[in-house]
């Protein structure tokens, strides 16, 4: 899965070629995106990109980024001017008791929106979730049927303390009533999107397990952003086991086809980290997503392991370690091993397995038979099943 919402040079044919290598890709167009000379209208420009990617890979699923819980308040931002005007006209900004807008972080220059039913409806009976769903549908999804996915950023609990219920007092963001109203606001957007675009898949960027009663089974998938590799990653502060629990829970709490992205951030030349993350993802049924931390969501890193098809899993996702605290999952054409511990582990394997042949880390992926395997701490590996008279992939 590619999360490519950063650089907007989607008209570049080489970038389109790279994007088309993915199974799922999320793009971040903005209203008015129209490179000079590329297409006569913004809608035709966006549609041209999506069609070009799908021409290279007809099976790819392509999504467009949206976000409900925050918006820009920049008078010079023409792409979001309609949002800003509506938020002011309808008084939908989230305010504190001092009457000031609140924000979770200044990093993204965005401010929180009151997405609850406590806000006042507009003349058409809509609140922010319904209005935004209709706006995003009109801008991106109504006239670009090639989009498969509505990507919903910010699917989480309230992040700030503010006067959510408009009673003149700041509310505890963990108050059950505030939580329920917040969950209901997101659900209202999803319901309106399904009315407008019933064939689109809804995938939420979630910081939780989606287990609350209002959200369970509502989304078609989720993105687990930054599972590994960052200071705030779940694996960093809670450990590998808790991270895998979250991964399994989101798969359980979404509905078919359960498109769950296992996103990690790192250097594309740190092959040991890549193997650790990739093999961890393959222990269950999600889509792996690697973000190059030097360019954020603006490139398509590629690894040797992607070129070797493991085939279908021979068993369900494991729930316990296989041997010596090493985890294992078997596939038709190979085996995945993960050592999530802080110590090197050596395991004995049955005959018929070999390392894959790769150019990026030939000291590990040298094509040799694998019978006794030593995995470094926090490492993983993909092994292939040997086939008689099989030629080297080189």
Protein backbone atom coordinates (compact mmCIF):
# COMPACT_ATOMS: atom_id res chain seq x y z
CA UNK A 1 0.00 0.00 0.00
CA UNK A 2 1.32 3.40 -0.95
CA UNK A 3 0.44 6.48 1.09
CA UNK A 4 1.37 9.21 -1.39
CA UNK A 5 -0.35 12.33 -0.14
CA UNK A 6 2.78 14.49 -0.02
CA UNK A 7 4.30 15.53 -3.35
CA UNK A 8 1.59 16.51 -5.85
CA UNK A 9 3.51 15.82 -9.09
CA UNK A 10 0.99 13.15 -10.01
CA UNK A 11 1.13 14.18 -13.66
CA UNK A 12 4.71 12.87 -13.91
CA UNK A 13 4.69 9.67 -15.99
CA UNK A 14 7.59 8.16 -14.05
CA UNK A 15 5.82 8.78 -10.75
CA UNK A 16 2.65 7.22 -12.18
CA UNK A 17 4.67 4.16 -13.18
CA UNK A 18 6.01 3.79 -9.64
CA UNK A 19 2.59 4.29 -8.07
CA UNK A 20 1.12 1.63 -10.35
CA UNK A 21 3.38 -1.00 -8.77
CA UNK A 22 1.27 -0.86 -5.61
CA UNK A 23 -1.86 -2.91 -4.86
CA UNK A 24 -3.45 0.04 -3.07
CA UNK A 25 -2.44 3.70 -3.27
CA UNK A 26 -3.83 6.77 -1.49
CA UNK A 27 -3.37 10.11 -3.28
CA UNK A 28 -3.79 13.65 -1.98
CA UNK A 29 -5.26 15.85 -4.69
CA UNK A 30 -6.63 19.25 -3.74
CA UNK A 31 -9.54 21.19 -5.21
CA UNK A 32 -8.23 23.01 -8.28
CA UNK A 33 -5.29 20.65 -8.96
CA UNK A 34 -4.53 21.30 -12.63
CA UNK A 35 -0.93 21.44 -13.90
CA UNK A 36 -0.44 23.80 -16.83
CA UNK A 37 -1.36 22.15 -20.10
CA UNK A 38 -2.18 18.78 -18.58
CA UNK A 39 -5.97 18.80 -19.01
CA UNK A 40 -8.67 21.42 -19.68
CA UNK A 41 -10.29 21.16 -16.20
CA UNK A 42 -9.23 20.08 -12.73
CA UNK A 43 -11.64 17.14 -12.78
CA UNK A 44 -10.25 15.92 -16.10
CA UNK A 45 -6.69 16.41 -14.82
CA UNK A 46 -7.28 14.26 -11.73
CA UNK A 47 -9.17 11.68 -13.74
CA UNK A 48 -6.35 11.52 -16.28
CA UNK A 49 -3.87 10.62 -13.54
CA UNK A 50 -6.04 7.91 -12.01
CA UNK A 51 -6.77 6.42 -15.43
CA UNK A 52 -3.06 6.40 -16.31
CA UNK A 53 -2.21 4.51 -13.12
CA UNK A 54 -4.98 2.00 -13.71
CA UNK A 55 -3.94 1.52 -17.32
CA UNK A 56 -0.62 0.22 -16.00
CA UNK A 57 -2.22 -1.85 -13.24
CA UNK A 58 -5.94 -2.56 -13.74
CA UNK A 59 -6.16 -4.34 -10.38
CA UNK A 60 -4.90 -1.43 -8.28
CA UNK A 61 -7.24 0.31 -5.83
CA UNK A 62 -6.84 4.11 -5.84
CA UNK A 63 -8.03 6.37 -3.04
CA UNK A 64 -8.33 10.09 -2.36
CA UNK A 65 -7.48 11.76 0.95
CA UNK A 66 -10.09 13.52 3.10
CA UNK A 67 -10.18 14.71 6.72
CA UNK A 68 -13.15 15.54 8.94
CA UNK A 69 -11.88 16.67 12.31
CA UNK A 70 -9.75 19.65 11.29
CA UNK A 71 -9.48 22.30 8.58
CA UNK A 72 -7.24 25.16 7.49
CA UNK A 73 -8.00 28.75 8.42
CA UNK A 74 -5.89 30.47 5.79
CA UNK A 75 -7.53 33.18 3.66
CA UNK A 76 -4.87 32.65 0.98
CA UNK A 77 -5.64 28.92 0.63
CA UNK A 78 -7.90 28.97 -2.42
CA UNK A 79 -8.24 25.18 -2.55
CA UNK A 80 -9.99 25.11 0.84
CA UNK A 81 -11.66 28.51 0.70
CA UNK A 82 -15.12 26.93 0.45
CA UNK A 83 -14.49 24.93 3.62
CA UNK A 84 -13.26 27.97 5.53
CA UNK A 85 -16.19 30.09 4.41
CA UNK A 86 -18.69 27.41 5.46
CA UNK A 87 -17.06 26.88 8.86
CA UNK A 88 -17.29 30.57 9.67
CA UNK A 89 -20.79 31.02 8.24
CA UNK A 90 -22.18 28.05 10.16
CA UNK A 91 -20.07 28.61 13.30
CA UNK A 92 -18.69 25.07 13.17
CA UNK A 93 -15.15 25.74 14.39
CA UNK A 94 -14.48 24.04 17.72
CA UNK A 95 -14.04 26.74 20.37
CA UNK A 96 -12.96 26.82 23.99
CA UNK A 97 -14.69 28.76 26.76
CA UNK A 98 -12.74 31.86 25.76
CA UNK A 99 -14.32 31.67 22.31
CA UNK A 100 -11.03 30.83 20.60
CA UNK A 101 -10.40 28.10 18.05
CA UNK A 102 -8.34 25.17 19.32
CA UNK A 103 -5.80 22.98 17.61
CA UNK A 104 -4.16 19.69 18.44
CA UNK A 105 -0.78 20.75 17.06
CA UNK A 106 0.50 23.76 15.20
CA UNK A 107 2.60 21.50 12.97
CA UNK A 108 -0.06 21.24 10.26
CA UNK A 109 -1.52 24.76 10.66
CA UNK A 110 -5.01 23.30 11.00
CA UNK A 111 -7.76 23.91 13.57
CA UNK A 112 -10.28 21.54 15.10
CA UNK A 113 -13.90 21.43 13.95
CA UNK A 114 -16.97 20.68 16.07
CA UNK A 115 -18.23 17.62 14.22
CA UNK A 116 -20.86 16.69 16.79
CA UNK A 117 -24.65 17.03 16.70
CA UNK A 118 -24.28 19.70 19.41
CA UNK A 119 -23.31 22.13 16.64
CA UNK A 120 -26.03 24.11 14.92
CA UNK A 121 -27.44 22.72 11.67
CA UNK A 122 -27.35 24.91 8.57
CA UNK A 123 -30.41 25.95 6.56
CA UNK A 124 -30.43 22.57 4.81
CA UNK A 125 -30.33 20.62 8.08
CA UNK A 126 -26.70 19.63 7.65
CA UNK A 127 -23.85 19.75 10.10
CA UNK A 128 -20.16 19.58 9.25
CA UNK A 129 -20.01 15.78 8.66
CA UNK A 130 -22.84 15.79 6.11
CA UNK A 131 -21.70 19.02 4.46
CA UNK A 132 -18.13 17.81 4.10
CA UNK A 133 -19.23 14.43 2.71
CA UNK A 134 -21.25 16.23 0.04
CA UNK A 135 -18.39 18.61 -0.72
CA UNK A 136 -15.81 15.83 -1.11
CA UNK A 137 -18.23 13.83 -3.24
CA UNK A 138 -18.83 16.79 -5.56
CA UNK A 139 -15.13 17.67 -5.85
CA UNK A 140 -13.54 14.23 -6.14
CA UNK A 141 -15.87 11.26 -6.35
CA UNK A 142 -19.00 12.16 -8.34
CA UNK A 143 -17.19 12.80 -11.63
CA UNK A 144 -14.13 10.57 -11.13
CA UNK A 145 -15.60 7.07 -10.93
CA UNK A 146 -12.12 5.54 -11.13
CA UNK A 147 -11.53 6.38 -7.45
CA UNK A 148 -12.13 3.22 -5.42
CA UNK A 149 -11.47 4.52 -1.90
CA UNK A 150 -12.42 7.45 0.29
CA UNK A 151 -9.48 7.76 2.68
CA UNK A 152 -10.59 9.23 6.01
CA UNK A 153 -7.78 10.76 8.03
CA UNK A 154 -8.08 11.46 11.75
CA UNK A 155 -10.35 8.56 12.75
CA UNK A 156 -9.76 8.71 16.46
CA UNK A 157 -11.02 10.00 19.79
CA UNK A 158 -11.15 13.76 20.53
CA UNK A 159 -7.65 15.21 20.74
CA UNK A 160 -8.35 18.52 22.50
CA UNK A 161 -10.20 20.00 25.44
CA UNK A 162 -12.89 22.44 24.31
CA UNK A 163 -16.55 23.37 24.72
CA UNK A 164 -17.95 20.56 22.61
CA UNK A 165 -21.54 20.79 23.87
CA UNK A 166 -21.69 24.61 23.75
CA UNK A 167 -22.65 25.03 27.40
CA UNK A 168 -19.95 27.61 28.15
CA UNK A 169 -17.61 25.15 29.87
CA UNK A 170 -14.69 23.14 28.54
CA UNK A 171 -15.46 19.43 28.40
CA UNK A 172 -13.25 16.54 29.36
CA UNK A 173 -12.38 14.91 26.04
CA UNK A 174 -12.55 11.49 27.71
CA UNK A 175 -16.07 12.09 29.04
CA UNK A 176 -18.33 9.25 27.79
CA UNK A 177 -20.86 11.70 26.40
CA UNK A 178 -18.21 13.63 24.49
CA UNK A 179 -16.73 10.41 23.15
CA UNK A 180 -20.12 9.15 22.00
CA UNK A 181 -20.93 12.45 20.27
CA UNK A 182 -17.53 12.46 18.58
CA UNK A 183 -17.92 8.89 17.36
CA UNK A 184 -21.41 9.72 16.09
CA UNK A 185 -20.05 12.68 14.14
CA UNK A 186 -17.62 10.50 12.22
CA UNK A 187 -20.32 7.92 11.63
CA UNK A 188 -22.62 10.61 10.25
CA UNK A 189 -20.02 11.43 7.59
CA UNK A 190 -19.55 7.78 6.69
CA UNK A 191 -23.29 7.24 6.39
CA UNK A 192 -23.68 10.23 4.08
CA UNK A 193 -20.74 9.09 1.95
CA UNK A 194 -22.31 5.66 1.59
CA UNK A 195 -25.57 7.28 0.47
CA UNK A 196 -23.74 9.33 -2.15
CA UNK A 197 -21.12 6.80 -3.27
CA UNK A 198 -22.21 3.31 -2.17
CA UNK A 199 -19.55 1.52 -4.21
CA UNK A 200 -16.60 3.37 -2.68
CA UNK A 201 -14.60 1.73 0.09
CA UNK A 202 -14.16 3.75 3.28
CA UNK A 203 -10.73 3.39 4.87
CA UNK A 204 -9.90 5.29 8.06
CA UNK A 205 -6.52 6.34 9.39
CA UNK A 206 -7.09 5.13 12.92
CA UNK A 207 -5.13 5.55 16.14
CA UNK A 208 -7.36 3.01 17.92
CA UNK A 209 -8.75 -0.49 17.43
CA UNK A 210 -12.17 0.63 16.10
CA UNK A 211 -13.81 -1.51 18.78
CA UNK A 212 -16.30 1.06 20.10
CA UNK A 213 -19.91 0.08 19.47
CA UNK A 214 -20.55 2.89 16.96
CA UNK A 215 -17.53 2.15 14.75
CA UNK A 216 -17.15 -1.62 14.96
CA UNK A 217 -17.74 -3.17 11.54
CA UNK A 218 -18.45 0.17 9.85
CA UNK A 219 -15.27 0.78 7.85
CA UNK A 220 -13.99 -1.29 4.94
CA UNK A 221 -10.43 -0.97 6.17
CA UNK A 222 -7.99 1.09 8.15
CA UNK A 223 -4.52 2.54 8.05
CA UNK A 224 -2.25 1.95 11.03
CA UNK A 225 0.03 4.91 10.46
CA UNK A 226 3.55 4.74 11.85
CA UNK A 227 3.23 1.32 13.46
CA UNK A 228 7.02 1.16 13.65
CA UNK A 229 10.02 3.41 13.20
CA UNK A 230 9.00 6.65 14.92
CA UNK A 231 9.27 7.92 18.49
CA UNK A 232 5.46 7.78 18.81
CA UNK A 233 5.08 4.41 17.07
CA UNK A 234 3.14 1.80 19.03
CA UNK A 235 5.99 -0.68 18.66
CA UNK A 236 8.41 1.91 20.09
CA UNK A 237 6.58 2.78 23.29
CA UNK A 238 4.35 -0.26 23.91
CA UNK A 239 6.32 -3.08 22.30
CA UNK A 240 5.93 -5.49 19.41
CA UNK A 241 3.23 -7.55 21.11
CA UNK A 242 0.92 -4.57 21.71
CA UNK A 243 1.49 -3.40 18.16
CA UNK A 244 0.45 -6.78 16.79
CA UNK A 245 -2.63 -6.77 19.05
CA UNK A 246 -3.72 -3.45 17.50
CA UNK A 247 -3.07 -4.81 14.01
CA UNK A 248 -5.18 -7.91 14.62
CA UNK A 249 -7.94 -5.89 16.29
CA UNK A 250 -8.34 -3.46 13.39
CA UNK A 251 -8.55 -6.36 10.95
CA UNK A 252 -11.25 -7.87 13.15
CA UNK A 253 -13.20 -4.64 13.63
CA UNK A 254 -13.41 -3.64 9.97
CA UNK A 255 -15.67 -5.25 7.42
CA UNK A 256 -14.90 -7.11 4.20
CA UNK A 257 -12.68 -6.64 2.25
CA UNK A 258 -10.74 -5.46 5.36
CA UNK A 259 -8.08 -3.41 3.59
CA UNK A 260 -5.79 -2.65 6.52
CA UNK A 261 -2.50 -0.88 5.89
CA UNK A 262 0.47 -1.68 8.14
CA UNK A 263 2.48 1.54 7.76
CA UNK A 264 6.05 1.98 9.00
CA UNK A 265 8.60 4.79 8.67
CA UNK A 266 12.30 4.30 8.11
CA UNK A 267 15.28 4.55 5.81
CA UNK A 268 14.86 2.54 2.59
CA UNK A 269 18.46 1.34 2.99
CA UNK A 270 17.89 -0.01 6.52
CA UNK A 271 17.13 -3.51 5.26
CA UNK A 272 17.08 -5.13 8.67
CA UNK A 273 14.35 -2.73 9.85
CA UNK A 274 12.46 -3.32 6.63
CA UNK A 275 12.60 -7.11 7.06
CA UNK A 276 11.48 -6.85 10.69
CA UNK A 277 8.50 -4.69 9.72
CA UNK A 278 7.58 -6.51 6.50
CA UNK A 279 7.70 -9.96 8.09
CA UNK A 280 5.63 -8.69 11.04
CA UNK A 281 2.97 -7.46 8.63
CA UNK A 282 2.93 -10.81 6.83
CA UNK A 283 2.04 -12.60 10.06
CA UNK A 284 -1.50 -11.36 9.40
CA UNK A 285 -3.49 -10.32 6.33
CA UNK A 286 -2.88 -6.58 5.95
CA UNK A 287 -1.14 -4.52 3.29
CA UNK A 288 2.43 -3.42 3.96
CA UNK A 289 3.23 0.27 3.60
CA UNK A 290 6.77 1.67 3.88
CA UNK A 291 7.29 5.43 4.17
CA UNK A 292 10.77 6.87 3.50
CA UNK A 293 11.28 9.14 6.49
CA UNK A 294 13.51 11.49 4.49
CA UNK A 295 10.73 12.50 2.07
CA UNK A 296 7.64 11.51 4.04
CA UNK A 297 4.63 10.54 1.89
CA UNK A 298 6.20 11.46 -1.44
CA UNK A 299 7.96 8.38 -2.83
CA UNK A 300 7.53 4.69 -3.60
CA UNK A 301 10.31 2.72 -1.88
CA UNK A 302 10.85 -0.72 -3.41
CA UNK A 303 12.50 -3.78 -1.90
CA UNK A 304 13.80 -7.07 -3.32
CA UNK A 305 11.29 -9.01 -1.25
CA UNK A 306 8.39 -7.46 -3.15
CA UNK A 307 9.46 -9.28 -6.30
CA UNK A 308 9.00 -12.75 -4.80
CA UNK A 309 5.42 -13.99 -4.69
CA UNK A 310 4.76 -16.00 -1.55
CA UNK A 311 1.31 -17.10 -2.70
CA UNK A 312 -1.56 -17.79 -0.35
CA UNK A 313 -1.00 -18.47 3.33
CA UNK A 314 -1.11 -22.16 4.27
CA UNK A 315 -2.49 -21.30 7.69
CA UNK A 316 -4.24 -18.51 9.52
CA UNK A 317 -2.33 -15.77 11.31
CA UNK A 318 -0.32 -17.26 14.21
CA UNK A 319 -1.26 -16.34 17.76
CA UNK A 320 1.83 -17.74 19.48
CA UNK A 321 5.54 -17.95 18.71
CA UNK A 322 6.72 -20.97 16.73
CA UNK A 323 10.15 -21.74 18.24
CA UNK A 324 12.69 -19.95 20.45
CA UNK A 325 10.34 -16.92 20.61
CA UNK A 326 10.54 -16.67 16.82
CA UNK A 327 7.23 -16.28 14.98
CA UNK A 328 6.48 -18.10 11.74
CA UNK A 329 3.88 -18.18 9.01
CA UNK A 330 3.87 -20.58 6.06
CA UNK A 331 2.84 -19.68 2.53
CA UNK A 332 2.52 -21.69 -0.67
CA UNK A 333 5.91 -20.55 -1.95
CA UNK A 334 7.79 -19.71 1.21
CA UNK A 335 8.04 -18.98 4.91
CA UNK A 336 8.20 -15.79 6.97
CA UNK A 337 10.11 -15.62 10.26
CA UNK A 338 10.18 -12.77 12.80
CA UNK A 339 12.39 -12.37 15.86
CA UNK A 340 10.76 -9.57 17.91
CA UNK A 341 13.07 -10.04 20.91
CA UNK A 342 16.18 -8.13 21.98
CA UNK A 343 18.40 -11.20 21.54
CA UNK A 344 19.65 -13.20 18.57
CA UNK A 345 17.71 -16.42 18.05
CA UNK A 346 18.69 -19.58 16.17
CA UNK A 347 16.03 -21.95 14.83
CA UNK A 348 16.20 -25.20 12.91
CA UNK A 349 14.19 -25.44 9.70
CA UNK A 350 13.04 -28.36 7.62
CA UNK A 351 14.81 -29.13 4.31
CA UNK A 352 13.61 -27.41 1.16
CA UNK A 353 13.86 -23.75 2.14
CA UNK A 354 16.35 -21.21 0.83
CA UNK A 355 17.11 -17.53 1.15
CA UNK A 356 15.86 -15.41 -1.69
CA UNK A 357 18.33 -13.81 -4.11
CA UNK A 358 18.52 -10.04 -3.81
CA UNK A 359 20.77 -7.15 -4.73
CA UNK A 360 19.98 -4.79 -1.85
CA UNK A 361 21.31 -6.90 1.03
CA UNK A 362 23.22 -9.82 -0.57
CA UNK A 363 24.82 -10.81 2.73
CA UNK A 364 21.34 -11.89 3.89
CA UNK A 365 19.55 -12.64 0.62
CA UNK A 366 22.22 -14.77 -1.06
CA UNK A 367 20.06 -17.62 -2.32
CA UNK A 368 21.68 -20.21 -0.05
CA UNK A 369 19.81 -23.14 1.54
CA UNK A 370 18.27 -22.34 4.92
CA UNK A 371 18.40 -25.13 7.46
CA UNK A 372 19.77 -23.45 10.59
CA UNK A 373 18.72 -19.81 10.73
CA UNK A 374 20.05 -17.18 13.13
CA UNK A 375 17.98 -14.04 13.30
CA UNK A 376 19.40 -10.86 14.81
CA UNK A 377 17.35 -9.01 17.45
CA UNK A 378 14.32 -7.31 15.91
CA UNK A 379 14.84 -8.89 12.53
CA UNK A 380 12.83 -10.95 10.10
CA UNK A 381 13.32 -12.85 6.88
CA UNK A 382 11.44 -14.20 3.90
CA UNK A 383 12.49 -17.68 2.77
CA UNK A 384 11.41 -19.43 -0.41
CA UNK A 385 10.55 -23.05 -1.03
CA UNK A 386 12.98 -24.78 -3.33
CA UNK A 387 11.54 -26.22 -6.52
CA UNK A 388 13.34 -28.84 -8.56
CA UNK A 389 15.22 -27.35 -11.54
CA UNK A 390 14.21 -23.87 -10.41
CA UNK A 391 16.29 -21.16 -12.06
CA UNK A 392 17.84 -18.37 -10.04
CA UNK A 393 15.69 -15.22 -10.04
CA UNK A 394 18.79 -13.34 -11.19
